[in-house]
């Protein structure tokens, strides 16, 4: 009974203070008690600070340095452990350093805050820290920020936002959307149900299971998406790109790396400064350009493919999706087109410098002719397949062109 009277009395006092304009009930800050323990760890000293927070669905963690690890589970409140380690055998020196690291934990409105700040803004050279936090799985939002350490979060049903000045980021079993940014570390995602936005200054990106749309950017690392349920926009300054399966549209761009796509359930846009391009299949139109590598597109309804110097292989099939005009062009290389028996096309092909090169076809309806003498010979071909349809233009400056029947 005494506890109830005290709570009612506190509420009355807060209400009176609010009326007097001395405090706003909407921004009351509830500070939480902490426990601290200092102990020896081999040739170093460590401080462990523990505490708990409860009654909220939003968590924000902001620390100057150190790793942040969050685990969601079947529990009611938020429990945290801060582990600070200083590499010295001098206990007094270690205690002075520990006093310079201020850790505060409180509740402001609907948000729990855990903040770790070094006085002067700089962490001592021989010091390291890690925050381990356990939260209820039903958190609506978890936002984690560290200036330099790694971020690791799993088992949250809501949205997770992670930011690191340069450390790696690992997120898995996230029920909402994800936003992750690091100055240069790698980003690794397991299963994420919502939309995904990823950015790293130069590290690699790997996504295992994305049930929402994906936007992934890296200054120079590789990008790999194993399975995407909707669509993906991928950009890297120079690394390779690999997508094994994606149900939606895929847009992939790299400054110079190769692009390897598996089965795509929508249209595709690919651009690389000089790497090779390979696509297993796509439901929609494919646009592929490379400054100098080869291009292989299999199982596509239509395609635009251009390379500065490399061969092109395309397999045209009737996927039931959007079919447009196709254009295949290379400055130096062979072009081979496999055409399924139920695909209707108008065909136009040419070899500009045909000395020693030729156009061959499995289709009697494609007619080949040559013009000019040996010094400036050109070869061209035209025809209609299955009564004609969208235009297929094929052109190489120097190389062979082959039209082949596709085996389904």
Foldseek 3Di string as FASTA:
>chain_A
DVVVVVVVVVVVVVVVCVVVVNDDPQWDKFWWDKDKDWDDDVQKIKIKIKTWDFDAQEEEEAEAAAEEEEEADADGIKIKIKMKIARHNDPVVVVVQVVQWDWTWIDTRRYTYTYIAGVVSDHDPRMHMYMYMYGHQARAEYEYEYAAEEYHYERHLHEYEYEYAAYEYEYEHYNEEYEYEYAAYEYEYEAYQYEYEYEYAAYEYEYEHYNYEYEYEYAAEEYEYEEAEEEYEYEYAAYEYEYAEYQYEYEYEYAAEEYHYEEYNAEYEYEYAAYEYEYHAYLAEYEYEYAAEEYEAEHYQEYEYEYAHYEYEYEHDPNVHDHAAHEAEYAYYEYEYAYEQPRKAKEKEKAFQDQVEEEEEPDPQKDKDWDDDNVGIMIMITGIHPNHDHYYYYYYPDHYYYYHYDDD
